[in-house]
């Protein structure tokens, strides 16, 4: 029986680079409400994620989940590919 180690963050993003071996760079967008003007602002962050079989390509929509540090920059792992090649 597997022991659950707390809640892990999950994010949906678009792959912007797959040039590294077993690693992809994912762009994650989120909308944040401005504290004064109450309009939504788009905030963007890029994460490096582990892709064991090198299945992801540029433009794919992926679900990534938080994990232990795998390297100096990698703290995310690809859970599943939601759509193939969103950007043509």
N, C-alpha and C. Protein backbone atom coordinates (compact mmCIF):
# COMPACT_ATOMS: atom_id res chain seq x y z
N UNK A 1 0.84 -1.17 0.00
CA UNK A 1 0.00 0.00 0.00
C UNK A 1 0.89 1.24 0.00
N UNK A 2 0.64 2.13 -0.98
CA UNK A 2 1.46 3.33 -1.11
C UNK A 2 1.06 4.37 -0.07
N UNK A 3 2.05 5.04 0.46
CA UNK A 3 1.81 6.09 1.45
C UNK A 3 1.75 7.43 0.72
N UNK A 4 0.65 8.15 0.93
CA UNK A 4 0.50 9.47 0.32
C UNK A 4 1.34 10.48 1.10
N UNK A 5 2.19 11.24 0.39
CA UNK A 5 3.10 12.17 1.04
C UNK A 5 2.60 13.61 0.92
N UNK A 6 1.33 13.84 1.15
CA UNK A 6 0.81 15.20 1.08
C UNK A 6 0.35 15.56 -0.32
N UNK A 7 -0.23 16.73 -0.44
CA UNK A 7 -0.74 17.19 -1.73
C UNK A 7 0.40 17.72 -2.57
N UNK A 8 0.41 17.31 -3.84
CA UNK A 8 1.41 17.80 -4.77
C UNK A 8 0.74 18.72 -5.77
N UNK A 9 1.41 19.80 -6.11
CA UNK A 9 0.87 20.76 -7.06
C UNK A 9 0.84 20.14 -8.45
N UNK A 10 -0.17 20.50 -9.22
CA UNK A 10 -0.27 20.08 -10.62
C UNK A 10 -0.56 21.31 -11.46
N UNK A 11 0.08 21.44 -12.59
CA UNK A 11 -0.10 22.58 -13.47
C UNK A 11 -0.30 22.10 -14.91
N UNK A 12 -1.04 22.87 -15.68
CA UNK A 12 -1.23 22.59 -17.11
C UNK A 12 -0.48 23.67 -17.88
N UNK A 13 0.32 23.26 -18.85
CA UNK A 13 1.10 24.23 -19.61
C UNK A 13 1.41 23.74 -21.01
N UNK A 14 2.10 24.60 -21.77
CA UNK A 14 2.47 24.33 -23.15
C UNK A 14 3.99 24.12 -23.22
N UNK A 15 4.41 23.08 -23.94
CA UNK A 15 5.84 22.80 -24.09
C UNK A 15 6.45 23.83 -25.05
N UNK A 16 7.50 24.52 -24.59
CA UNK A 16 8.17 25.51 -25.44
C UNK A 16 9.53 25.02 -25.93
N UNK A 17 10.09 23.98 -25.29
CA UNK A 17 11.38 23.44 -25.74
C UNK A 17 11.47 21.96 -25.37
N UNK A 18 12.00 21.16 -26.31
CA UNK A 18 12.24 19.74 -26.04
C UNK A 18 13.64 19.33 -26.50
N UNK A 19 14.57 20.28 -26.52
CA UNK A 19 15.91 20.04 -27.06
C UNK A 19 16.80 19.21 -26.13
N UNK A 20 16.47 19.18 -24.83
CA UNK A 20 17.28 18.42 -23.88
C UNK A 20 16.82 16.97 -23.83
N UNK A 21 17.71 16.09 -23.38
CA UNK A 21 17.37 14.68 -23.27
C UNK A 21 16.58 14.45 -21.98
N UNK A 22 15.37 13.89 -22.12
CA UNK A 22 14.47 13.56 -21.01
C UNK A 22 14.01 14.78 -20.21
N UNK A 23 14.12 15.97 -20.79
CA UNK A 23 13.71 17.19 -20.12
C UNK A 23 12.96 18.08 -21.11
N UNK A 24 11.86 18.69 -20.65
CA UNK A 24 11.14 19.66 -21.46
C UNK A 24 11.00 20.94 -20.65
N UNK A 25 10.80 22.06 -21.36
CA UNK A 25 10.52 23.33 -20.73
C UNK A 25 9.06 23.65 -20.98
N UNK A 26 8.31 23.89 -19.90
CA UNK A 26 6.87 24.10 -19.99
C UNK A 26 6.54 25.52 -19.55
N UNK A 27 5.72 26.21 -20.37
CA UNK A 27 5.25 27.55 -20.05
C UNK A 27 3.88 27.43 -19.41
N UNK A 28 3.75 27.94 -18.17
CA UNK A 28 2.49 27.87 -17.43
C UNK A 28 1.95 29.29 -17.28
N UNK A 29 0.73 29.54 -17.80
CA UNK A 29 0.08 30.84 -17.67
C UNK A 29 -0.97 30.78 -16.58
N UNK A 30 -1.14 31.90 -15.87
CA UNK A 30 -2.21 32.00 -14.89
C UNK A 30 -2.73 33.42 -14.88
N UNK A 31 -3.99 33.60 -14.49
CA UNK A 31 -4.60 34.92 -14.43
C UNK A 31 -4.65 35.37 -12.97
N UNK A 32 -4.17 36.59 -12.72
CA UNK A 32 -4.14 37.15 -11.38
C UNK A 32 -4.92 38.46 -11.41
N UNK A 33 -5.79 38.66 -10.42
CA UNK A 33 -6.56 39.90 -10.35
C UNK A 33 -5.70 41.01 -9.77
N UNK A 34 -5.69 42.17 -10.46
CA UNK A 34 -4.92 43.32 -9.98
C UNK A 34 -5.54 43.85 -8.69
N UNK A 35 -4.72 44.12 -7.65
CA UNK A 35 -5.28 44.50 -6.36
C UNK A 35 -6.04 45.83 -6.36
N UNK A 36 -5.65 46.77 -7.21
CA UNK A 36 -6.30 48.08 -7.24
C UNK A 36 -7.35 48.16 -8.34
N UNK A 37 -6.98 47.77 -9.59
CA UNK A 37 -7.85 47.97 -10.74
C UNK A 37 -8.80 46.82 -11.00
N UNK A 38 -8.63 45.69 -10.30
CA UNK A 38 -9.53 44.54 -10.37
C UNK A 38 -9.62 43.91 -11.75
N UNK A 39 -8.67 44.20 -12.62
CA UNK A 39 -8.62 43.54 -13.92
C UNK A 39 -7.67 42.35 -13.82
N UNK A 40 -7.86 41.38 -14.70
CA UNK A 40 -7.02 40.19 -14.68
C UNK A 40 -5.78 40.40 -15.53
N UNK A 41 -4.64 40.03 -14.96
CA UNK A 41 -3.35 40.15 -15.61
C UNK A 41 -2.81 38.74 -15.85
N UNK A 42 -2.24 38.52 -17.02
CA UNK A 42 -1.67 37.21 -17.33
C UNK A 42 -0.24 37.13 -16.80
N UNK A 43 0.02 36.16 -15.94
CA UNK A 43 1.36 35.91 -15.39
C UNK A 43 1.87 34.60 -15.98
N UNK A 44 3.16 34.56 -16.27
CA UNK A 44 3.74 33.39 -16.94
C UNK A 44 4.98 32.95 -16.19
N UNK A 45 5.16 31.63 -16.09
CA UNK A 45 6.36 31.07 -15.47
C UNK A 45 6.77 29.86 -16.32
N UNK A 46 8.08 29.61 -16.42
CA UNK A 46 8.56 28.44 -17.14
C UNK A 46 9.15 27.46 -16.14
N UNK A 47 8.85 26.18 -16.35
CA UNK A 47 9.34 25.11 -15.48
C UNK A 47 10.03 24.07 -16.34
N UNK A 48 11.06 23.44 -15.79
CA UNK A 48 11.68 22.30 -16.44
C UNK A 48 11.06 21.04 -15.86
N UNK A 49 10.62 20.14 -16.73
CA UNK A 49 9.94 18.93 -16.28
C UNK A 49 10.61 17.70 -16.87
N UNK A 50 10.54 16.60 -16.12
CA UNK A 50 11.15 15.34 -16.53
C UNK A 50 10.20 14.58 -17.44
N UNK A 51 10.70 14.20 -18.63
CA UNK A 51 9.93 13.46 -19.63
C UNK A 51 10.71 12.17 -19.93
N UNK A 52 10.37 11.09 -19.25
CA UNK A 52 11.17 9.87 -19.27
C UNK A 52 11.33 9.27 -20.66
N UNK A 53 10.24 9.19 -21.46
CA UNK A 53 10.32 8.55 -22.78
C UNK A 53 10.55 9.52 -23.93
N UNK A 54 10.79 10.80 -23.64
CA UNK A 54 10.94 11.82 -24.69
C UNK A 54 9.74 11.84 -25.64
N UNK A 55 8.52 11.76 -25.11
CA UNK A 55 7.31 11.74 -25.93
C UNK A 55 6.79 13.13 -26.27
N UNK A 56 7.10 14.12 -25.46
CA UNK A 56 6.55 15.47 -25.65
C UNK A 56 7.30 16.21 -26.74
N UNK A 57 6.55 17.01 -27.50
CA UNK A 57 7.14 17.86 -28.53
C UNK A 57 6.72 19.30 -28.28
N UNK A 58 7.33 20.22 -29.02
CA UNK A 58 7.01 21.64 -28.88
C UNK A 58 5.55 21.87 -29.26
N UNK A 59 4.82 22.59 -28.41
CA UNK A 59 3.42 22.89 -28.68
C UNK A 59 2.44 21.94 -28.02
N UNK A 60 2.92 20.88 -27.38
CA UNK A 60 2.01 19.95 -26.71
C UNK A 60 1.49 20.58 -25.41
N UNK A 61 0.24 20.27 -25.09
CA UNK A 61 -0.36 20.69 -23.83
C UNK A 61 -0.18 19.54 -22.85
N UNK A 62 0.50 19.80 -21.72
CA UNK A 62 0.85 18.72 -20.79
C UNK A 62 0.40 19.06 -19.38
N UNK A 63 0.20 18.02 -18.59
CA UNK A 63 -0.08 18.14 -17.17
C UNK A 63 1.19 17.74 -16.44
N UNK A 64 1.74 18.67 -15.63
CA UNK A 64 2.96 18.38 -14.88
C UNK A 64 2.63 18.38 -13.39
N UNK A 65 3.36 17.58 -12.64
CA UNK A 65 3.13 17.48 -11.21
C UNK A 65 4.45 17.70 -10.47
N UNK A 66 4.34 18.24 -9.28
CA UNK A 66 5.50 18.54 -8.44
C UNK A 66 6.14 17.24 -7.95
N UNK A 67 7.46 17.24 -7.83
CA UNK A 67 8.17 16.05 -7.37
C UNK A 67 9.43 16.49 -6.62
N UNK A 68 10.18 15.54 -6.13
CA UNK A 68 11.43 15.86 -5.46
C UNK A 68 12.41 16.44 -6.48
N UNK A 69 13.45 17.15 -6.03
CA UNK A 69 14.42 17.70 -6.98
C UNK A 69 15.12 16.58 -7.76
N UNK A 70 15.05 16.66 -9.08
CA UNK A 70 15.68 15.66 -9.93
C UNK A 70 17.04 16.14 -10.45
N UNK A 71 17.21 17.44 -10.52
CA UNK A 71 18.49 18.03 -10.89
C UNK A 71 18.52 19.44 -10.30
N UNK A 72 19.46 20.25 -10.77
CA UNK A 72 19.58 21.60 -10.22
C UNK A 72 18.33 22.43 -10.50
N UNK A 73 17.71 22.24 -11.67
CA UNK A 73 16.56 23.05 -12.08
C UNK A 73 15.24 22.28 -12.09
N UNK A 74 15.28 20.95 -12.18
CA UNK A 74 14.06 20.16 -12.39
C UNK A 74 13.39 19.78 -11.08
N UNK A 75 12.14 20.25 -10.93
CA UNK A 75 11.32 19.88 -9.77
C UNK A 75 9.94 19.41 -10.20
N UNK A 76 9.74 19.16 -11.47
CA UNK A 76 8.44 18.77 -12.02
C UNK A 76 8.60 17.53 -12.87
N UNK A 77 7.50 16.78 -13.02
CA UNK A 77 7.48 15.55 -13.80
C UNK A 77 6.23 15.57 -14.68
N UNK A 78 6.33 15.08 -15.90
CA UNK A 78 5.17 15.03 -16.80
C UNK A 78 4.26 13.89 -16.34
N UNK A 79 3.00 14.23 -16.04
CA UNK A 79 2.04 13.21 -15.65
C UNK A 79 1.33 12.66 -16.88
N UNK A 80 0.85 13.56 -17.78
CA UNK A 80 0.23 13.09 -19.02
C UNK A 80 0.24 14.19 -20.06
N UNK A 81 0.13 13.75 -21.32
CA UNK A 81 0.02 14.68 -22.44
C UNK A 81 -1.47 14.85 -22.73
N UNK A 82 -1.96 16.09 -22.61
CA UNK A 82 -3.39 16.34 -22.79
C UNK A 82 -3.74 16.52 -24.26
N UNK A 83 -2.93 17.27 -24.99
CA UNK A 83 -3.14 17.49 -26.44
C UNK A 83 -1.79 17.49 -27.12
N UNK A 84 -1.75 16.93 -28.32
CA UNK A 84 -0.51 16.93 -29.10
C UNK A 84 -0.48 18.15 -30.01
N UNK A 85 0.64 18.87 -30.00
CA UNK A 85 0.93 19.97 -30.91
C UNK A 85 -0.19 20.99 -31.04
N UNK A 86 -0.43 21.75 -29.97
CA UNK A 86 -1.44 22.81 -29.96
C UNK A 86 -1.02 23.93 -30.90
N UNK A 87 0.25 24.34 -30.85
CA UNK A 87 0.78 25.39 -31.70
C UNK A 87 1.36 24.75 -32.96
N UNK A 88 0.95 25.24 -34.12
CA UNK A 88 1.42 24.67 -35.39
C UNK A 88 2.53 25.52 -35.96
